[in-house]
């Protein structure tokens, strides 16, 4: 499943870098920390490699 926003893609990229040992886990914050703990490296790769062209900056919240 690819990322739904640029922010989500960026967080997945940071978590993926930490999983691979290219960055420190202690530097992760917020969503990227949660992604690191709950997703596999394969899942993070799918999120991080999404095409950025048509993604919104942030995912909109659903109207209630």
Protein backbone atom coordinates (compact mmCIF):
# COMPACT_ATOMS: atom_id res chain seq x y z
CA UNK A 1 0.00 0.00 0.00
CA UNK A 2 1.64 3.27 -1.04
CA UNK A 3 1.70 6.43 1.05
CA UNK A 4 -1.37 8.71 0.94
CA UNK A 5 0.54 11.97 1.49
CA UNK A 6 4.03 13.45 1.23
CA UNK A 7 4.23 13.70 5.01
CA UNK A 8 3.41 10.00 5.39
CA UNK A 9 6.00 9.12 2.75
CA UNK A 10 8.66 11.20 4.50
CA UNK A 11 7.92 9.53 7.85
CA UNK A 12 8.15 6.08 6.25
CA UNK A 13 11.49 7.00 4.68
CA UNK A 14 12.90 8.08 8.03
CA UNK A 15 11.68 4.88 9.70
CA UNK A 16 13.11 2.78 6.87
CA UNK A 17 16.51 4.44 7.22
CA UNK A 18 16.49 3.61 10.94
CA UNK A 19 15.46 -0.01 10.28
CA UNK A 20 18.37 -0.36 7.87
CA UNK A 21 20.81 1.17 10.35
CA UNK A 22 21.42 4.30 8.26
CA UNK A 23 19.92 6.55 10.97
CA UNK A 24 19.41 6.25 14.72
CA UNK A 25 16.10 5.15 16.17
CA UNK A 26 16.50 7.77 18.91
CA UNK A 27 16.24 10.52 16.27
CA UNK A 28 12.77 9.39 15.15
CA UNK A 29 9.73 11.34 16.33
CA UNK A 30 5.96 11.00 16.07
CA UNK A 31 4.66 8.99 13.13
CA UNK A 32 8.06 7.76 12.02
CA UNK A 33 8.69 6.27 15.49
CA UNK A 34 5.30 4.54 15.40
CA UNK A 35 5.97 3.23 11.89
CA UNK A 36 9.39 1.92 12.94
CA UNK A 37 7.82 -0.09 15.78
CA UNK A 38 4.78 -1.43 13.94
CA UNK A 39 5.85 -2.03 10.32
CA UNK A 40 8.27 -4.37 8.60
CA UNK A 41 11.09 -3.14 6.38
CA UNK A 42 9.16 -4.34 3.31
CA UNK A 43 6.04 -2.37 4.30
CA UNK A 44 8.09 0.76 4.96
CA UNK A 45 9.76 0.41 1.56
CA UNK A 46 6.35 0.28 -0.15
CA UNK A 47 5.27 3.49 1.60
CA UNK A 48 8.55 5.30 0.98
CA UNK A 49 8.80 4.54 -2.74
CA UNK A 50 5.38 5.96 -3.69
CA UNK A 51 5.34 8.55 -6.48
CA UNK A 52 5.34 12.06 -4.98
CA UNK A 53 3.90 13.91 -7.97
CA UNK A 54 0.19 13.52 -7.20
CA UNK A 55 0.34 13.25 -3.41
CA UNK A 56 -1.09 16.01 -1.22
CA UNK A 57 1.21 17.55 1.38
CA UNK A 58 -0.96 16.17 4.17
CA UNK A 59 -3.80 13.68 4.27
CA UNK A 60 -7.14 15.37 4.89
CA UNK A 61 -9.24 14.29 7.83
CA UNK A 62 -12.59 12.75 6.98
CA UNK A 63 -15.64 14.96 7.57
CA UNK A 64 -17.82 13.80 10.43
